[in-house]
Amino acid sequence: FEMTVVSAHRTPERMFEYAKSAASRGLKVIIAGAGGAAHLPG
């Protein structure tokens, strides 16, 4: 596994690039944890 911080609100470009490249990088599943408004998983 890999683990990192990706904020939907503070780093939307990072979130977009992470999600867009995940499958091509070989990931099969993503676990996204978030508090408060918790937009990251969706």
PDB file of all heavy atoms in Angstrom:
ATOM      1  N   PHE A   1       0.845  -1.196   0.000  1.00  0.00           N
ATOM      2  CA  PHE A   1       0.000   0.000   0.000  1.00  0.00           C
ATOM      3  C   PHE A   1       0.876   1.240   0.000  1.00  0.00           C
ATOM      4  O   PHE A   1       2.069   1.186   0.277  1.00  0.00           O
ATOM      5  CB  PHE A   1      -0.933  -0.005   1.213  1.00  0.00           C
ATOM      6  CG  PHE A   1      -0.212   0.132   2.525  1.00  0.00           C
ATOM      7  CD1 PHE A   1      -0.040   1.383   3.122  1.00  0.00           C
ATOM      8  CD2 PHE A   1       0.316  -0.982   3.166  1.00  0.00           C
ATOM      9  CE1 PHE A   1       0.640   1.505   4.321  1.00  0.00           C
ATOM     10  CE2 PHE A   1       1.006  -0.867   4.362  1.00  0.00           C
ATOM     11  CZ  PHE A   1       1.166   0.380   4.947  1.00  0.00           C
ATOM     12  N   GLU A   2       0.231   2.347  -0.318  1.00  0.00           N
ATOM     13  CA  GLU A   2       0.852   3.656  -0.170  1.00  0.00           C
ATOM     14  C   GLU A   2      -0.068   4.494   0.692  1.00  0.00           C
ATOM     15  O   GLU A   2      -1.275   4.232   0.769  1.00  0.00           O
ATOM     16  CB  GLU A   2       1.085   4.317  -1.535  1.00  0.00           C
ATOM     17  CG  GLU A   2      -0.189   4.618  -2.310  1.00  0.00           C
ATOM     18  CD  GLU A   2       0.059   5.176  -3.704  1.00  0.00           C
ATOM     19  OE1 GLU A   2       1.114   4.892  -4.295  1.00  0.00           O
ATOM     20  OE2 GLU A   2      -0.823   5.914  -4.184  1.00  0.00           O
ATOM     21  N   MET A   3       0.493   5.497   1.370  1.00  0.00           N
ATOM     22  CA  MET A   3      -0.329   6.332   2.245  1.00  0.00           C
ATOM     23  C   MET A   3       0.164   7.771   2.135  1.00  0.00           C
ATOM     24  O   MET A   3       1.368   8.024   2.202  1.00  0.00           O
ATOM     25  CB  MET A   3      -0.233   5.820   3.688  1.00  0.00           C
ATOM     26  CG  MET A   3      -1.152   6.540   4.636  1.00  0.00           C
ATOM     27  SD  MET A   3      -1.509   5.666   6.200  1.00  0.00           S
ATOM     28  CE  MET A   3       0.033   4.990   6.715  1.00  0.00           C
ATOM     29  N   THR A   4      -0.789   8.689   1.969  1.00  0.00           N
ATOM     30  CA  THR A   4      -0.424  10.091   1.844  1.00  0.00           C
ATOM     31  C   THR A   4      -1.604  10.989   2.220  1.00  0.00           C
ATOM     32  O   THR A   4      -2.731  10.520   2.410  1.00  0.00           O
ATOM     33  CB  THR A   4       0.066  10.405   0.409  1.00  0.00           C
ATOM     34  OG1 THR A   4       0.666  11.706   0.388  1.00  0.00           O
ATOM     35  CG2 THR A   4      -1.058  10.320  -0.613  1.00  0.00           C
ATOM     36  N   VAL A   5      -1.321  12.277   2.317  1.00  0.00           N
ATOM     37  CA  VAL A   5      -2.345  13.285   2.591  1.00  0.00           C
ATOM     38  C   VAL A   5      -2.763  13.910   1.266  1.00  0.00           C
ATOM     39  O   VAL A   5      -1.919  14.327   0.471  1.00  0.00           O
ATOM     40  CB  VAL A   5      -1.816  14.377   3.549  1.00  0.00           C
ATOM     41  CG1 VAL A   5      -2.830  15.502   3.712  1.00  0.00           C
ATOM     42  CG2 VAL A   5      -1.461  13.769   4.898  1.00  0.00           C
ATOM     43  N   VAL A   6      -4.075  13.934   1.035  1.00  0.00           N
ATOM     44  CA  VAL A   6      -4.655  14.544  -0.156  1.00  0.00           C
ATOM     45  C   VAL A   6      -5.914  15.268   0.301  1.00  0.00           C
ATOM     46  O   VAL A   6      -6.881  14.616   0.684  1.00  0.00           O
ATOM     47  CB  VAL A   6      -5.022  13.481  -1.217  1.00  0.00           C
ATOM     48  CG1 VAL A   6      -5.662  14.140  -2.422  1.00  0.00           C
ATOM     49  CG2 VAL A   6      -3.813  12.660  -1.617  1.00  0.00           C
ATOM     50  N   SER A   7      -5.910  16.572   0.274  1.00  0.00           N
ATOM     51  CA  SER A   7      -7.073  17.329   0.733  1.00  0.00           C
ATOM     52  C   SER A   7      -7.941  17.762  -0.444  1.00  0.00           C
ATOM     53  O   SER A   7      -7.454  18.402  -1.378  1.00  0.00           O
ATOM     54  CB  SER A   7      -6.613  18.571   1.515  1.00  0.00           C
ATOM     55  OG  SER A   7      -7.728  19.392   1.815  1.00  0.00           O
ATOM     56  N   ALA A   8      -9.214  17.418  -0.372  1.00  0.00           N
ATOM     57  CA  ALA A   8     -10.148  17.837  -1.420  1.00  0.00           C
ATOM     58  C   ALA A   8     -10.321  19.348  -1.450  1.00  0.00           C
ATOM     59  O   ALA A   8     -10.546  19.928  -2.511  1.00  0.00           O
ATOM     60  CB  ALA A   8     -11.503  17.167  -1.214  1.00  0.00           C
ATOM     61  N   HIS A   9     -10.188  19.988  -0.296  1.00  0.00           N
ATOM     62  CA  HIS A   9     -10.423  21.422  -0.211  1.00  0.00           C
ATOM     63  C   HIS A   9      -9.156  22.266  -0.330  1.00  0.00           C
ATOM     64  O   HIS A   9      -9.171  23.326  -0.940  1.00  0.00           O
ATOM     65  CB  HIS A   9     -11.129  21.759   1.107  1.00  0.00           C
ATOM     66  CG  HIS A   9     -12.443  21.090   1.235  1.00  0.00           C
ATOM     67  ND1 HIS A   9     -12.676  20.070   2.132  1.00  0.00           N
ATOM     68  CD2 HIS A   9     -13.607  21.255   0.554  1.00  0.00           C
ATOM     69  CE1 HIS A   9     -13.923  19.657   2.015  1.00  0.00           C
ATOM     70  NE2 HIS A   9     -14.510  20.343   1.060  1.00  0.00           N
ATOM     71  N   ARG A  10      -8.060  21.790   0.252  1.00  0.00           N
ATOM     72  CA  ARG A  10      -6.829  22.584   0.256  1.00  0.00           C
ATOM     73  C   ARG A  10      -5.898  22.274  -0.914  1.00  0.00           C
ATOM     74  O   ARG A  10      -5.099  23.117  -1.311  1.00  0.00           O
ATOM     75  CB  ARG A  10      -6.093  22.400   1.580  1.00  0.00           C
ATOM     76  CG  ARG A  10      -6.873  22.994   2.756  1.00  0.00           C
ATOM     77  CD  ARG A  10      -6.150  22.802   4.078  1.00  0.00           C
ATOM     78  NE  ARG A  10      -6.120  21.403   4.490  1.00  0.00           N
ATOM     79  CZ  ARG A  10      -7.054  20.801   5.219  1.00  0.00           C
ATOM     80  NH1 ARG A  10      -8.115  21.482   5.604  1.00  0.00           N
ATOM     81  NH2 ARG A  10      -6.944  19.538   5.555  1.00  0.00           N
ATOM     82  N   THR A  11      -6.009  21.066  -1.472  1.00  0.00           N
ATOM     83  CA  THR A  11      -5.160  20.687  -2.615  1.00  0.00           C
ATOM     84  C   THR A  11      -5.986  19.956  -3.671  1.00  0.00           C
ATOM     85  O   THR A  11      -5.734  18.790  -3.979  1.00  0.00           O
ATOM     86  CB  THR A  11      -3.973  19.795  -2.162  1.00  0.00           C
ATOM     87  OG1 THR A  11      -4.499  18.604  -1.557  1.00  0.00           O
ATOM     88  CG2 THR A  11      -3.051  20.519  -1.197  1.00  0.00           C
ATOM     89  N   PRO A  12      -6.980  20.621  -4.251  1.00  0.00           N
ATOM     90  CA  PRO A  12      -7.845  19.926  -5.209  1.00  0.00           C
ATOM     91  C   PRO A  12      -7.093  19.406  -6.436  1.00  0.00           C
ATOM     92  O   PRO A  12      -7.436  18.350  -6.961  1.00  0.00           O
ATOM     93  CB  PRO A  12      -8.896  20.972  -5.581  1.00  0.00           C
ATOM     94  CG  PRO A  12      -8.303  22.286  -5.203  1.00  0.00           C
ATOM     95  CD  PRO A  12      -7.382  22.013  -4.052  1.00  0.00           C
ATOM     96  N   GLU A  13      -6.058  20.110  -6.891  1.00  0.00           N
ATOM     97  CA  GLU A  13      -5.299  19.634  -8.049  1.00  0.00           C
ATOM     98  C   GLU A  13      -4.567  18.336  -7.706  1.00  0.00           C
ATOM     99  O   GLU A  13      -4.503  17.405  -8.510  1.00  0.00           O
ATOM    100  CB  GLU A  13      -4.286  20.693  -8.524  1.00  0.00           C
ATOM    101  CG  GLU A  13      -4.917  21.959  -9.065  1.00  0.00           C
ATOM    102  CD  GLU A  13      -5.231  22.993  -7.979  1.00  0.00           C
ATOM    103  OE1 GLU A  13      -4.888  22.772  -6.786  1.00  0.00           O
ATOM    104  OE2 GLU A  13      -5.839  24.013  -8.315  1.00  0.00           O
ATOM    105  N   ARG A  14      -4.013  18.271  -6.486  1.00  0.00           N
ATOM    106  CA  ARG A  14      -3.323  17.055  -6.037  1.00  0.00           C
ATOM    107  C   ARG A  14      -4.318  15.892  -5.964  1.00  0.00           C
ATOM    108  O   ARG A  14      -4.018  14.781  -6.380  1.00  0.00           O
ATOM    109  CB  ARG A  14      -2.671  17.311  -4.689  1.00  0.00           C
ATOM    110  CG  ARG A  14      -1.979  16.119  -4.069  1.00  0.00           C
ATOM    111  CD  ARG A  14      -1.253  16.551  -2.769  1.00  0.00           C
ATOM    112  NE  ARG A  14      -0.866  15.445  -1.944  1.00  0.00           N
ATOM    113  CZ  ARG A  14       0.176  14.642  -2.159  1.00  0.00           C
ATOM    114  NH1 ARG A  14       0.952  14.852  -3.213  1.00  0.00           N
ATOM    115  NH2 ARG A  14       0.451  13.649  -1.333  1.00  0.00           N
ATOM    116  N   MET A  15      -5.511  16.170  -5.442  1.00  0.00           N
ATOM    117  CA  MET A  15      -6.543  15.143  -5.348  1.00  0.00           C
ATOM    118  C   MET A  15      -6.928  14.645  -6.740  1.00  0.00           C
ATOM    119  O   MET A  15      -7.028  13.441  -6.980  1.00  0.00           O
ATOM    120  CB  MET A  15      -7.782  15.695  -4.646  1.00  0.00           C
ATOM    121  CG  MET A  15      -8.927  14.700  -4.564  1.00  0.00           C
ATOM    122  SD  MET A  15     -10.542  15.482  -4.446  1.00  0.00           S
ATOM    123  CE  MET A  15     -10.628  16.410  -5.961  1.00  0.00           C
ATOM    124  N   PHE A  16      -7.118  15.560  -7.648  1.00  0.00           N
ATOM    125  CA  PHE A  16      -7.514  15.202  -9.008  1.00  0.00           C
ATOM    126  C   PHE A  16      -6.442  14.326  -9.654  1.00  0.00           C
ATOM    127  O   PHE A  16      -6.752  13.272 -10.227  1.00  0.00           O
ATOM    128  CB  PHE A  16      -7.755  16.463  -9.849  1.00  0.00           C
ATOM    129  CG  PHE A  16      -8.328  16.170 -11.196  1.00  0.00           C
ATOM    130  CD1 PHE A  16      -9.696  16.026 -11.372  1.00  0.00           C
ATOM    131  CD2 PHE A  16      -7.502  16.019 -12.296  1.00  0.00           C
ATOM    132  CE1 PHE A  16     -10.231  15.728 -12.621  1.00  0.00           C
ATOM    133  CE2 PHE A  16      -8.021  15.727 -13.550  1.00  0.00           C
ATOM    134  CZ  PHE A  16      -9.383  15.586 -13.710  1.00  0.00           C
ATOM    135  N   GLU A  17      -5.177  14.729  -9.551  1.00  0.00           N
ATOM    136  CA  GLU A  17      -4.083  13.966 -10.157  1.00  0.00           C
ATOM    137  C   GLU A  17      -3.937  12.596  -9.505  1.00  0.00           C
ATOM    138  O   GLU A  17      -3.720  11.592 -10.191  1.00  0.00           O
ATOM    139  CB  GLU A  17      -2.768  14.737 -10.062  1.00  0.00           C
ATOM    140  CG  GLU A  17      -1.598  14.036 -10.711  1.00  0.00           C
ATOM    141  CD  GLU A  17      -1.847  13.653 -12.169  1.00  0.00           C
ATOM    142  OE1 GLU A  17      -2.510  14.401 -12.908  1.00  0.00           O
ATOM    143  OE2 GLU A  17      -1.385  12.563 -12.562  1.00  0.00           O
ATOM    144  N   TYR A  18      -4.080  12.537  -8.184  1.00  0.00           N
ATOM    145  CA  TYR A  18      -3.978  11.257  -7.478  1.00  0.00           C
ATOM    146  C   TYR A  18      -5.051  10.287  -7.982  1.00  0.00           C
ATOM    147  O   TYR A  18      -4.759   9.148  -8.338  1.00  0.00           O
ATOM    148  CB  TYR A  18      -4.120  11.457  -5.961  1.00  0.00           C
ATOM    149  CG  TYR A  18      -3.898  10.178  -5.196  1.00  0.00           C
ATOM    150  CD1 TYR A  18      -2.630   9.841  -4.746  1.00  0.00           C
ATOM    151  CD2 TYR A  18      -4.933   9.286  -4.968  1.00  0.00           C
ATOM    152  CE1 TYR A  18      -2.400   8.645  -4.075  1.00  0.00           C
ATOM    153  CE2 TYR A  18      -4.720   8.090  -4.303  1.00  0.00           C
ATOM    154  CZ  TYR A  18      -3.455   7.774  -3.860  1.00  0.00           C
ATOM    155  OH  TYR A  18      -3.236   6.583  -3.211  1.00  0.00           O
ATOM    156  N   ALA A  19      -6.292  10.747  -8.011  1.00  0.00           N
ATOM    157  CA  ALA A  19      -7.407   9.885  -8.424  1.00  0.00           C
ATOM    158  C   ALA A  19      -7.314   9.508  -9.896  1.00  0.00           C
ATOM    159  O   ALA A  19      -7.571   8.358 -10.267  1.00  0.00           O
ATOM    160  CB  ALA A  19      -8.731  10.584  -8.142  1.00  0.00           C
ATOM    161  N   LYS A  20      -6.935  10.453 -10.727  1.00  0.00           N
ATOM    162  CA  LYS A  20      -6.871  10.207 -12.167  1.00  0.00           C
ATOM    163  C   LYS A  20      -5.766   9.212 -12.517  1.00  0.00           C
ATOM    164  O   LYS A  20      -5.925   8.393 -13.424  1.00  0.00           O
ATOM    165  CB  LYS A  20      -6.651  11.521 -12.907  1.00  0.00           C
ATOM    166  CG  LYS A  20      -6.852  11.425 -14.394  1.00  0.00           C
ATOM    167  CD  LYS A  20      -7.025  12.816 -14.975  1.00  0.00           C
ATOM    168  CE  LYS A  20      -7.234  12.800 -16.454  1.00  0.00           C
ATOM    169  NZ  LYS A  20      -8.462  12.182 -16.886  1.00  0.00           N
ATOM    170  N   SER A  21      -4.657   9.224 -11.783  1.00  0.00           N
ATOM    171  CA  SER A  21      -3.524   8.359 -12.101  1.00  0.00           C
ATOM    172  C   SER A  21      -3.529   7.039 -11.331  1.00  0.00           C
ATOM    173  O   SER A  21      -2.698   6.163 -11.594  1.00  0.00           O
ATOM    174  CB  SER A  21      -2.214   9.100 -11.809  1.00  0.00           C
ATOM    175  OG  SER A  21      -2.045   9.285 -10.408  1.00  0.00           O
ATOM    176  N   ALA A  22      -4.424   6.865 -10.388  1.00  0.00           N
ATOM    177  CA  ALA A  22      -4.384   5.709  -9.481  1.00  0.00           C
ATOM    178  C   ALA A  22      -4.414   4.372 -10.226  1.00  0.00           C
ATOM    179  O   ALA A  22      -3.593   3.492  -9.962  1.00  0.00           O
ATOM    180  CB  ALA A  22      -5.535   5.782  -8.481  1.00  0.00           C
ATOM    181  N   ALA A  23      -5.339   4.185 -11.125  1.00  0.00           N
ATOM    182  CA  ALA A  23      -5.460   2.907 -11.840  1.00  0.00           C
ATOM    183  C   ALA A  23      -4.233   2.653 -12.708  1.00  0.00           C
ATOM    184  O   ALA A  23      -3.705   1.538 -12.731  1.00  0.00           O
ATOM    185  CB  ALA A  23      -6.734   2.882 -12.679  1.00  0.00           C
ATOM    186  N   SER A  24      -3.747   3.660 -13.402  1.00  0.00           N
ATOM    187  CA  SER A  24      -2.582   3.466 -14.274  1.00  0.00           C
ATOM    188  C   SER A  24      -1.315   3.198 -13.470  1.00  0.00           C
ATOM    189  O   SER A  24      -0.358   2.620 -13.990  1.00  0.00           O
ATOM    190  CB  SER A  24      -2.387   4.676 -15.197  1.00  0.00           C
ATOM    191  OG  SER A  24      -2.053   5.827 -14.455  1.00  0.00           O
ATOM    192  N   ARG A  25      -1.306   3.587 -12.200  1.00  0.00           N
ATOM    193  CA  ARG A  25      -0.169   3.298 -11.318  1.00  0.00           C
ATOM    194  C   ARG A  25      -0.283   1.927 -10.668  1.00  0.00           C
ATOM    195  O   ARG A  25       0.566   1.533  -9.885  1.00  0.00           O
ATOM    196  CB  ARG A  25      -0.041   4.377 -10.240  1.00  0.00           C
ATOM    197  CG  ARG A  25       0.374   5.729 -10.787  1.00  0.00           C
ATOM    198  CD  ARG A  25       0.632   6.779  -9.728  1.00  0.00           C
ATOM    199  NE  ARG A  25      -0.557   7.111  -8.953  1.00  0.00           N
ATOM    200  CZ  ARG A  25      -0.768   6.778  -7.681  1.00  0.00           C
ATOM    201  NH1 ARG A  25       0.114   6.080  -7.011  1.00  0.00           N
ATOM    202  NH2 ARG A  25      -1.883   7.136  -7.061  1.00  0.00           N
ATOM    203  N   GLY A  26      -1.369   1.184 -10.963  1.00  0.00           N
ATOM    204  CA  GLY A  26      -1.511  -0.178 -10.479  1.00  0.00           C
ATOM    205  C   GLY A  26      -2.382  -0.344  -9.246  1.00  0.00           C
ATOM    206  O   GLY A  26      -2.571  -1.461  -8.775  1.00  0.00           O
ATOM    207  N   LEU A  27      -2.913   0.744  -8.730  1.00  0.00           N
ATOM    208  CA  LEU A  27      -3.800   0.611  -7.573  1.00  0.00           C
ATOM    209  C   LEU A  27      -5.067  -0.129  -7.979  1.00  0.00           C
ATOM    210  O   LEU A  27      -5.535  -0.016  -9.109  1.00  0.00           O
ATOM    211  CB  LEU A  27      -4.160   1.977  -6.993  1.00  0.00           C
ATOM    212  CG  LEU A  27      -3.025   2.811  -6.413  1.00  0.00           C
ATOM    213  CD1 LEU A  27      -3.584   4.081  -5.780  1.00  0.00           C
ATOM    214  CD2 LEU A  27      -2.206   2.042  -5.404  1.00  0.00           C
ATOM    215  N   LYS A  28      -5.623  -0.876  -7.023  1.00  0.00           N
ATOM    216  CA  LYS A  28      -6.866  -1.621  -7.254  1.00  0.00           C
ATOM    217  C   LYS A  28      -8.007  -1.093  -6.404  1.00  0.00           C
ATOM    218  O   LYS A  28      -9.175  -1.274  -6.743  1.00  0.00           O
ATOM    219  CB  LYS A  28      -6.665  -3.112  -6.938  1.00  0.00           C
ATOM    220  CG  LYS A  28      -5.529  -3.765  -7.686  1.00  0.00           C
ATOM    221  CD  LYS A  28      -5.838  -3.880  -9.144  1.00  0.00           C
ATOM    222  CE  LYS A  28      -4.748  -4.640  -9.867  1.00  0.00           C
ATOM    223  NZ  LYS A  28      -4.433  -4.066 -11.167  1.00  0.00           N
ATOM    224  N   VAL A  29      -7.682  -0.464  -5.274  1.00  0.00           N
ATOM    225  CA  VAL A  29      -8.674   0.070  -4.335  1.00  0.00           C
ATOM    226  C   VAL A  29      -8.080   1.317  -3.695  1.00  0.00           C
ATOM    227  O   VAL A  29      -6.877   1.383  -3.449  1.00  0.00           O
ATOM    228  CB  VAL A  29      -9.003  -0.950  -3.210  1.00  0.00           C
ATOM    229  CG1 VAL A  29     -10.053  -0.401  -2.258  1.00  0.00           C
ATOM    230  CG2 VAL A  29      -9.452  -2.290  -3.777  1.00  0.00           C
ATOM    231  N   ILE A  30      -8.940   2.280  -3.403  1.00  0.00           N
ATOM    232  CA  ILE A  30      -8.528   3.479  -2.663  1.00  0.00           C
ATOM    233  C   ILE A  30      -9.357   3.566  -1.392  1.00  0.00           C
ATOM    234  O   ILE A  30     -10.589   3.428  -1.432  1.00  0.00           O
ATOM    235  CB  ILE A  30      -8.726   4.761  -3.496  1.00  0.00           C
ATOM    236  CG1 ILE A  30      -7.837   4.723  -4.747  1.00  0.00           C
ATOM    237  CG2 ILE A  30      -8.417   6.004  -2.654  1.00  0.00           C
ATOM    238  CD1 ILE A  30      -8.089   5.865  -5.710  1.00  0.00           C
ATOM    239  N   ILE A  31      -8.689   3.798  -0.282  1.00  0.00           N
ATOM    240  CA  ILE A  31      -9.356   4.083   0.983  1.00  0.00           C
ATOM    241  C   ILE A  31      -9.125   5.554   1.262  1.00  0.00           C
ATOM    242  O   ILE A  31      -7.984   6.010   1.290  1.00  0.00           O
ATOM    243  CB  ILE A  31      -8.803   3.223   2.130  1.00  0.00           C
ATOM    244  CG1 ILE A  31      -9.081   1.743   1.876  1.00  0.00           C
ATOM    245  CG2 ILE A  31      -9.406   3.663   3.465  1.00  0.00           C
ATOM    246  CD1 ILE A  31      -8.456   0.820   2.902  1.00  0.00           C
ATOM    247  N   ALA A  32     -10.213   6.290   1.454  1.00  0.00           N
ATOM    248  CA  ALA A  32     -10.116   7.733   1.679  1.00  0.00           C
ATOM    249  C   ALA A  32     -10.784   8.084   3.000  1.00  0.00           C
ATOM    250  O   ALA A  32     -11.982   7.877   3.171  1.00  0.00           O
ATOM    251  CB  ALA A  32     -10.781   8.492   0.530  1.00  0.00           C
ATOM    252  N   GLY A  33     -10.003   8.614   3.916  1.00  0.00           N
ATOM    253  CA  GLY A  33     -10.527   9.043   5.203  1.00  0.00           C
ATOM    254  C   GLY A  33     -10.638  10.551   5.248  1.00  0.00           C
ATOM    255  O   GLY A  33      -9.742  11.258   4.776  1.00  0.00           O
ATOM    256  N   ALA A  34     -11.738  11.033   5.812  1.00  0.00           N
ATOM    257  CA  ALA A  34     -11.927  12.477   5.891  1.00  0.00           C
ATOM    258  C   ALA A  34     -12.895  12.819   7.011  1.00  0.00           C
ATOM    259  O   ALA A  34     -13.814  12.072   7.311  1.00  0.00           O
ATOM    260  CB  ALA A  34     -12.457  13.018   4.561  1.00  0.00           C
ATOM    261  N   GLY A  35     -12.659  13.966   7.618  1.00  0.00           N
ATOM    262  CA  GLY A  35     -13.532  14.454   8.671  1.00  0.00           C
ATOM    263  C   GLY A  35     -14.246  15.721   8.236  1.00  0.00           C
ATOM    264  O   GLY A  35     -14.022  16.231   7.142  1.00  0.00           O
ATOM    265  N   GLY A  36     -15.107  16.216   9.106  1.00  0.00           N
ATOM    266  CA  GLY A  36     -15.844  17.444   8.800  1.00  0.00           C
ATOM    267  C   GLY A  36     -16.733  17.250   7.595  1.00  0.00           C
ATOM    268  O   GLY A  36     -17.516  16.301   7.513  1.00  0.00           O
ATOM    269  N   ALA A  37     -16.585  18.141   6.607  1.00  0.00           N
ATOM    270  CA  ALA A  37     -17.403  18.074   5.396  1.00  0.00           C
ATOM    271  C   ALA A  37     -17.117  16.812   4.584  1.00  0.00           C
ATOM    272  O   ALA A  37     -17.965  16.356   3.833  1.00  0.00           O
ATOM    273  CB  ALA A  37     -17.170  19.311   4.535  1.00  0.00           C
ATOM    274  N   ALA A  38     -15.928  16.243   4.728  1.00  0.00           N
ATOM    275  CA  ALA A  38     -15.564  14.916   4.206  1.00  0.00           C
ATOM    276  C   ALA A  38     -15.874  14.720   2.727  1.00  0.00           C
ATOM    277  O   ALA A  38     -16.481  13.733   2.336  1.00  0.00           O
ATOM    278  CB  ALA A  38     -16.220  13.829   5.053  1.00  0.00           C
ATOM    279  N   HIS A  39     -15.414  15.619   1.892  1.00  0.00           N
ATOM    280  CA  HIS A  39     -15.647  15.487   0.456  1.00  0.00           C
ATOM    281  C   HIS A  39     -14.653  14.573  -0.246  1.00  0.00           C
ATOM    282  O   HIS A  39     -14.897  14.154  -1.378  1.00  0.00           O
ATOM    283  CB  HIS A  39     -15.602  16.869  -0.217  1.00  0.00           C
ATOM    284  CG  HIS A  39     -16.778  17.715   0.123  1.00  0.00           C
ATOM    285  ND1 HIS A  39     -16.722  18.730   1.036  1.00  0.00           N
ATOM    286  CD2 HIS A  39     -18.046  17.672  -0.321  1.00  0.00           C
ATOM    287  CE1 HIS A  39     -17.912  19.288   1.142  1.00  0.00           C
ATOM    288  NE2 HIS A  39     -18.732  18.662   0.333  1.00  0.00           N
ATOM    289  N   LEU A  40     -13.534  14.249   0.390  1.00  0.00           N
ATOM    290  CA  LEU A  40     -12.466  13.506  -0.284  1.00  0.00           C
ATOM    291  C   LEU A  40     -12.920  12.173  -0.895  1.00  0.00           C
ATOM    292  O   LEU A  40     -12.683  11.945  -2.089  1.00  0.00           O
ATOM    293  CB  LEU A  40     -11.282  13.295   0.674  1.00  0.00           C
ATOM    294  CG  LEU A  40     -10.065  12.588   0.088  1.00  0.00           C
ATOM    295  CD1 LEU A  40      -9.464  13.392  -1.062  1.00  0.00           C
ATOM    296  CD2 LEU A  40      -9.028  12.363   1.185  1.00  0.00           C
ATOM    297  N   PRO A  41     -13.573  11.281  -0.160  1.00  0.00           N
ATOM    298  CA  PRO A  41     -13.952  10.000  -0.783  1.00  0.00           C
ATOM    299  C   PRO A  41     -14.847  10.163  -2.007  1.00  0.00           C
ATOM    300  O   PRO A  41     -14.616   9.523  -3.038  1.00  0.00           O
ATOM    301  CB  PRO A  41     -14.672   9.256   0.342  1.00  0.00           C
ATOM    302  CG  PRO A  41     -14.149   9.870   1.597  1.00  0.00           C
ATOM    303  CD  PRO A  41     -13.912  11.309   1.270  1.00  0.00           C
ATOM    304  N   GLY A  42     -15.846  10.994  -1.906  1.00  0.00           N
ATOM    305  CA  GLY A  42     -16.775  11.181  -3.019  1.00  0.00           C
ATOM    306  C   GLY A  42     -16.143  11.847  -4.220  1.00  0.00           C
ATOM    307  O   GLY A  42     -16.398  11.452  -5.362  1.00  0.00           O
TER     308      GLY A  42
END
